[in-house]
Amino acid sequence: MKQYNLSRLDKRVQFGTVKSVQNLINGTTKQQFVPLFTVWYGEFMLTVNNTISLTGTTATTDELIAVRHDERITTALLALIDGVEYKVAGVSSDSELNAYDVVTLTKVNGHG
């Protein structure tokens, strides 16, 4: 992953959690995304060999992004990109100096 070009990290992704928030008007509660931190990311494409070796994901619901190595990113988080919520399904980390991580995101269909 060392060959990833830094200039390709040209988009922002928010990582966060979901919390119950009460509506002050009618008293109901709803689940709402709460951002914890934001990082730059770039789109990541798989080669044919990577696609064959990757298990448990589907092309229609998953997105792969490349980010600078960040130990805060775990599978316990959600990600928000352009108003669309994703669950962090996996993180392929590279902990070397100036390294990048590939983060697998799966679309969220509501909070439940």
N, C-alpha and C. Protein backbone atom coordinates (compact mmCIF):
# COMPACT_ATOMS: atom_id res chain seq x y z
N MET A 1 0.82 -1.19 0.00
CA MET A 1 0.00 0.00 0.00
C MET A 1 0.86 1.25 0.00
N LYS A 2 2.17 1.11 0.04
CA LYS A 2 3.06 2.26 0.09
C LYS A 2 3.02 3.09 -1.19
N GLN A 3 2.54 2.53 -2.30
CA GLN A 3 2.56 3.23 -3.57
C GLN A 3 1.39 4.19 -3.75
N TYR A 4 0.47 4.26 -2.79
CA TYR A 4 -0.70 5.13 -2.93
C TYR A 4 -0.25 6.58 -2.94
N ASN A 5 -0.71 7.36 -3.92
CA ASN A 5 -0.29 8.74 -4.09
C ASN A 5 -1.05 9.64 -3.13
N LEU A 6 -0.33 10.41 -2.34
CA LEU A 6 -0.92 11.30 -1.34
C LEU A 6 -1.92 12.27 -1.96
N SER A 7 -1.71 12.71 -3.19
CA SER A 7 -2.61 13.67 -3.82
C SER A 7 -3.99 13.08 -4.11
N ARG A 8 -4.12 11.75 -4.05
CA ARG A 8 -5.42 11.12 -4.28
C ARG A 8 -6.33 11.21 -3.06
N LEU A 9 -5.80 11.59 -1.90
CA LEU A 9 -6.60 11.76 -0.70
C LEU A 9 -7.27 13.14 -0.77
N ASP A 10 -8.32 13.23 -1.58
CA ASP A 10 -8.92 14.53 -1.87
C ASP A 10 -10.38 14.67 -1.42
N LYS A 11 -10.86 13.73 -0.62
CA LYS A 11 -12.23 13.76 -0.13
C LYS A 11 -12.22 13.62 1.39
N ARG A 12 -13.32 14.03 2.04
CA ARG A 12 -13.40 13.96 3.51
C ARG A 12 -14.41 12.90 3.92
N VAL A 13 -14.07 12.15 4.96
CA VAL A 13 -14.96 11.16 5.55
C VAL A 13 -15.02 11.43 7.05
N GLN A 14 -16.24 11.36 7.60
CA GLN A 14 -16.41 11.50 9.04
C GLN A 14 -16.58 10.12 9.64
N PHE A 15 -15.86 9.85 10.71
CA PHE A 15 -16.05 8.62 11.47
C PHE A 15 -16.73 8.99 12.78
N GLY A 16 -17.68 8.14 13.20
CA GLY A 16 -18.40 8.44 14.42
C GLY A 16 -19.23 7.27 14.90
N THR A 17 -20.19 7.58 15.77
CA THR A 17 -21.08 6.57 16.35
C THR A 17 -22.51 7.04 16.20
N VAL A 18 -23.43 6.21 16.67
CA VAL A 18 -24.86 6.56 16.67
C VAL A 18 -25.31 6.70 18.11
N LYS A 19 -26.03 7.77 18.36
CA LYS A 19 -26.57 8.00 19.70
C LYS A 19 -28.05 8.32 19.61
N SER A 20 -28.78 8.03 20.68
CA SER A 20 -30.20 8.38 20.76
C SER A 20 -30.31 9.86 21.08
N VAL A 21 -31.11 10.56 20.28
CA VAL A 21 -31.31 11.99 20.46
C VAL A 21 -32.81 12.22 20.61
N GLN A 22 -33.19 13.01 21.62
CA GLN A 22 -34.61 13.28 21.86
C GLN A 22 -35.05 14.50 21.08
N ASN A 23 -36.22 14.38 20.43
CA ASN A 23 -36.84 15.50 19.73
C ASN A 23 -37.50 16.39 20.77
N LEU A 24 -37.08 17.65 20.86
CA LEU A 24 -37.59 18.56 21.87
C LEU A 24 -39.05 18.95 21.63
N ILE A 25 -39.54 18.81 20.42
CA ILE A 25 -40.91 19.19 20.11
C ILE A 25 -41.92 18.14 20.56
N ASN A 26 -41.68 16.88 20.19
CA ASN A 26 -42.67 15.84 20.52
C ASN A 26 -42.17 14.78 21.50
N GLY A 27 -40.94 14.87 21.95
CA GLY A 27 -40.43 13.97 22.97
C GLY A 27 -39.98 12.60 22.48
N THR A 28 -40.10 12.32 21.19
CA THR A 28 -39.67 11.03 20.67
C THR A 28 -38.14 11.00 20.56
N THR A 29 -37.58 9.81 20.54
CA THR A 29 -36.14 9.68 20.36
C THR A 29 -35.86 9.02 19.02
N LYS A 30 -34.73 9.38 18.46
CA LYS A 30 -34.30 8.75 17.20
C LYS A 30 -32.80 8.56 17.26
N GLN A 31 -32.31 7.65 16.45
CA GLN A 31 -30.89 7.37 16.35
C GLN A 31 -30.28 8.38 15.38
N GLN A 32 -29.16 8.98 15.77
CA GLN A 32 -28.52 9.99 14.94
C GLN A 32 -27.02 9.79 14.93
N PHE A 33 -26.41 9.98 13.75
CA PHE A 33 -24.96 9.88 13.60
C PHE A 33 -24.30 11.05 14.34
N VAL A 34 -23.29 10.73 15.14
CA VAL A 34 -22.53 11.74 15.88
C VAL A 34 -21.07 11.61 15.47
N PRO A 35 -20.53 12.61 14.75
CA PRO A 35 -19.13 12.51 14.30
C PRO A 35 -18.14 12.63 15.45
N LEU A 36 -17.07 11.83 15.37
CA LEU A 36 -15.98 11.87 16.35
C LEU A 36 -14.73 12.53 15.77
N PHE A 37 -14.43 12.21 14.50
CA PHE A 37 -13.27 12.81 13.83
C PHE A 37 -13.43 12.70 12.32
N THR A 38 -12.69 13.52 11.60
CA THR A 38 -12.76 13.56 10.13
C THR A 38 -11.35 13.39 9.58
N VAL A 39 -11.25 12.61 8.48
CA VAL A 39 -9.95 12.41 7.83
C VAL A 39 -10.11 12.55 6.32
N TRP A 40 -9.00 12.77 5.65
CA TRP A 40 -8.97 12.78 4.18
C TRP A 40 -8.93 11.33 3.69
N TYR A 41 -9.60 11.06 2.58
CA TYR A 41 -9.56 9.72 1.99
C TYR A 41 -9.52 9.81 0.48
N GLY A 42 -9.16 8.70 -0.13
CA GLY A 42 -9.19 8.56 -1.58
C GLY A 42 -9.87 7.25 -1.92
N GLU A 43 -10.42 7.18 -3.13
CA GLU A 43 -11.07 5.95 -3.57
C GLU A 43 -10.01 4.88 -3.79
N PHE A 44 -10.39 3.65 -3.52
CA PHE A 44 -9.45 2.54 -3.67
C PHE A 44 -10.10 1.48 -4.53
N MET A 45 -9.42 1.05 -5.56
CA MET A 45 -9.94 0.02 -6.46
C MET A 45 -9.18 -1.28 -6.25
N LEU A 46 -9.90 -2.38 -6.29
CA LEU A 46 -9.28 -3.69 -6.14
C LEU A 46 -8.83 -4.23 -7.48
N THR A 47 -7.72 -4.97 -7.46
CA THR A 47 -7.33 -5.71 -8.65
C THR A 47 -8.17 -6.98 -8.70
N VAL A 48 -8.12 -7.70 -9.78
CA VAL A 48 -8.88 -8.95 -9.90
C VAL A 48 -8.44 -9.94 -8.83
N ASN A 49 -7.14 -10.05 -8.57
CA ASN A 49 -6.64 -10.96 -7.54
C ASN A 49 -7.15 -10.58 -6.16
N ASN A 50 -7.17 -9.26 -5.85
CA ASN A 50 -7.69 -8.80 -4.56
C ASN A 50 -9.17 -9.14 -4.42
N THR A 51 -9.92 -8.96 -5.50
CA THR A 51 -11.36 -9.22 -5.47
C THR A 51 -11.64 -10.69 -5.21
N ILE A 52 -10.88 -11.57 -5.82
CA ILE A 52 -11.07 -13.01 -5.63
C ILE A 52 -10.71 -13.42 -4.21
N SER A 53 -9.66 -12.82 -3.64
CA SER A 53 -9.23 -13.22 -2.30
C SER A 53 -10.05 -12.58 -1.19
N LEU A 54 -10.81 -11.52 -1.50
CA LEU A 54 -11.62 -10.84 -0.49
C LEU A 54 -12.89 -11.64 -0.27
N THR A 55 -13.17 -12.00 0.98
CA THR A 55 -14.37 -12.80 1.27
C THR A 55 -15.33 -12.03 2.14
N GLY A 56 -16.61 -12.35 2.02
CA GLY A 56 -17.62 -11.78 2.89
C GLY A 56 -18.09 -10.39 2.51
N THR A 57 -17.77 -9.90 1.32
CA THR A 57 -18.25 -8.60 0.91
C THR A 57 -18.99 -8.70 -0.40
N THR A 58 -19.85 -7.74 -0.65
CA THR A 58 -20.57 -7.69 -1.91
C THR A 58 -20.32 -6.35 -2.57
N ALA A 59 -20.18 -6.36 -3.87
CA ALA A 59 -19.82 -5.16 -4.61
C ALA A 59 -20.91 -4.09 -4.54
N THR A 60 -22.16 -4.48 -4.33
CA THR A 60 -23.24 -3.51 -4.36
C THR A 60 -23.34 -2.70 -3.07
N THR A 61 -22.90 -3.22 -1.95
CA THR A 61 -23.05 -2.50 -0.70
C THR A 61 -21.73 -2.03 -0.10
N ASP A 62 -20.62 -2.45 -0.66
CA ASP A 62 -19.34 -2.12 -0.07
C ASP A 62 -18.60 -1.06 -0.85
N GLU A 63 -17.84 -0.28 -0.11
CA GLU A 63 -16.99 0.74 -0.69
C GLU A 63 -15.63 0.61 -0.01
N LEU A 64 -14.58 0.75 -0.79
CA LEU A 64 -13.23 0.70 -0.24
C LEU A 64 -12.62 2.08 -0.35
N ILE A 65 -12.04 2.56 0.77
CA ILE A 65 -11.38 3.84 0.76
C ILE A 65 -9.98 3.68 1.34
N ALA A 66 -9.08 4.56 0.90
CA ALA A 66 -7.72 4.57 1.43
C ALA A 66 -7.55 5.82 2.28
N VAL A 67 -7.00 5.65 3.48
CA VAL A 67 -6.75 6.75 4.39
C VAL A 67 -5.33 6.62 4.93
N ARG A 68 -4.77 7.73 5.42
CA ARG A 68 -3.49 7.63 6.12
C ARG A 68 -3.69 6.75 7.34
N HIS A 69 -2.68 6.00 7.72
CA HIS A 69 -2.81 5.08 8.86
C HIS A 69 -3.31 5.84 10.09
N ASP A 70 -4.38 5.34 10.70
CA ASP A 70 -4.99 6.00 11.86
C ASP A 70 -5.56 4.91 12.77
N GLU A 71 -4.95 4.74 13.93
CA GLU A 71 -5.38 3.68 14.86
C GLU A 71 -6.77 3.91 15.44
N ARG A 72 -7.32 5.12 15.30
CA ARG A 72 -8.67 5.39 15.80
C ARG A 72 -9.75 4.69 14.97
N ILE A 73 -9.43 4.34 13.73
CA ILE A 73 -10.42 3.73 12.84
C ILE A 73 -10.52 2.25 13.17
N THR A 74 -11.71 1.83 13.66
CA THR A 74 -11.97 0.44 14.02
C THR A 74 -13.32 0.02 13.48
N THR A 75 -13.61 -1.27 13.59
CA THR A 75 -14.90 -1.79 13.12
C THR A 75 -16.05 -1.41 14.04
N ALA A 76 -15.78 -0.74 15.15
CA ALA A 76 -16.84 -0.28 16.05
C ALA A 76 -17.45 1.04 15.58
N LEU A 77 -16.88 1.64 14.53
CA LEU A 77 -17.32 2.96 14.08
C LEU A 77 -18.22 2.90 12.86
N LEU A 78 -18.87 4.02 12.62
CA LEU A 78 -19.61 4.27 11.38
C LEU A 78 -18.85 5.34 10.62
N ALA A 79 -19.14 5.44 9.32
CA ALA A 79 -18.53 6.47 8.49
C ALA A 79 -19.64 7.19 7.73
N LEU A 80 -19.45 8.48 7.52
CA LEU A 80 -20.41 9.29 6.78
C LEU A 80 -19.70 9.93 5.61
N ILE A 81 -20.15 9.58 4.39
CA ILE A 81 -19.59 10.14 3.16
C ILE A 81 -20.74 10.68 2.33
N ASP A 82 -20.70 11.97 2.03
CA ASP A 82 -21.73 12.62 1.21
C ASP A 82 -23.13 12.31 1.69
N GLY A 83 -23.35 12.30 3.00
CA GLY A 83 -24.67 12.07 3.57
C GLY A 83 -25.09 10.61 3.64
N VAL A 84 -24.24 9.68 3.21
CA VAL A 84 -24.55 8.25 3.24
C VAL A 84 -23.78 7.61 4.39
N GLU A 85 -24.50 6.85 5.23
CA GLU A 85 -23.88 6.18 6.36
C GLU A 85 -23.39 4.79 5.99
N TYR A 86 -22.20 4.46 6.49
CA TYR A 86 -21.59 3.15 6.28
C TYR A 86 -21.11 2.63 7.63
N LYS A 87 -21.10 1.31 7.76
CA LYS A 87 -20.47 0.65 8.90
C LYS A 87 -19.06 0.29 8.47
N VAL A 88 -18.10 0.47 9.36
CA VAL A 88 -16.73 0.05 9.07
C VAL A 88 -16.69 -1.47 9.20
N ALA A 89 -16.59 -2.16 8.07
CA ALA A 89 -16.62 -3.62 8.07
C ALA A 89 -15.24 -4.22 8.25
N GLY A 90 -14.21 -3.47 7.93
CA GLY A 90 -12.86 -3.98 8.09
C GLY A 90 -11.83 -2.91 7.85
N VAL A 91 -10.67 -3.10 8.44
CA VAL A 91 -9.55 -2.17 8.26
C VAL A 91 -8.30 -3.00 7.97
N SER A 92 -7.73 -2.79 6.80
CA SER A 92 -6.48 -3.45 6.45
C SER A 92 -5.38 -2.45 6.73
N SER A 93 -4.71 -2.62 7.87
CA SER A 93 -3.76 -1.62 8.36
C SER A 93 -2.34 -1.87 7.89
N ASP A 94 -1.62 -0.78 7.75
CA ASP A 94 -0.20 -0.81 7.47
C ASP A 94 0.41 0.21 8.43
N SER A 95 1.12 -0.25 9.45
CA SER A 95 1.58 0.64 10.51
C SER A 95 2.96 1.24 10.27
N GLU A 96 3.52 1.07 9.08
CA GLU A 96 4.83 1.65 8.80
C GLU A 96 4.71 3.17 8.69
N LEU A 97 5.84 3.86 8.77
CA LEU A 97 5.87 5.31 8.65
C LEU A 97 5.29 5.74 7.30
N ASN A 98 4.42 6.75 7.31
CA ASN A 98 3.77 7.27 6.10
C ASN A 98 2.96 6.21 5.37
N ALA A 99 2.32 5.31 6.10
CA ALA A 99 1.57 4.21 5.50
C ALA A 99 0.10 4.59 5.35
N TYR A 100 -0.61 3.75 4.62
CA TYR A 100 -2.03 3.93 4.37
C TYR A 100 -2.80 2.69 4.81
N ASP A 101 -4.07 2.88 5.12
CA ASP A 101 -4.96 1.78 5.46
C ASP A 101 -6.07 1.72 4.41
N VAL A 102 -6.52 0.51 4.12
CA VAL A 102 -7.70 0.33 3.26
C VAL A 102 -8.86 -0.01 4.19
N VAL A 103 -9.92 0.82 4.13
CA VAL A 103 -11.07 0.65 5.00
C VAL A 103 -12.24 0.16 4.16
N THR A 104 -12.84 -0.96 4.56
CA THR A 104 -14.02 -1.51 3.88
C THR A 104 -15.26 -0.98 4.58
N LEU A 105 -16.13 -0.33 3.81
CA LEU A 105 -17.36 0.25 4.34
C LEU A 105 -18.57 -0.46 3.74
N THR A 106 -19.58 -0.74 4.58
CA THR A 106 -20.83 -1.37 4.14
C THR A 106 -21.97 -0.41 4.42
N LYS A 107 -22.81 -0.17 3.41
CA LYS A 107 -23.94 0.75 3.56
C LYS A 107 -24.85 0.35 4.71
N VAL A 108 -25.32 1.36 5.46
CA VAL A 108 -26.24 1.16 6.57
C VAL A 108 -27.64 1.49 6.09
N ASN A 109 -28.59 0.58 6.36
CA ASN A 109 -29.99 0.84 6.01
C ASN A 109 -30.78 1.06 7.27
N GLY A 110 -30.62 2.23 7.89
CA GLY A 110 -31.30 2.53 9.14
C GLY A 110 -30.45 2.09 10.32
N HIS A 111 -30.95 2.32 11.52
CA HIS A 111 -30.23 1.98 12.74
C HIS A 111 -31.04 0.97 13.50
N GLY A 112 -30.62 -0.25 13.50
CA GLY A 112 -31.44 -1.16 14.24
C GLY A 112 -30.73 -2.32 14.68
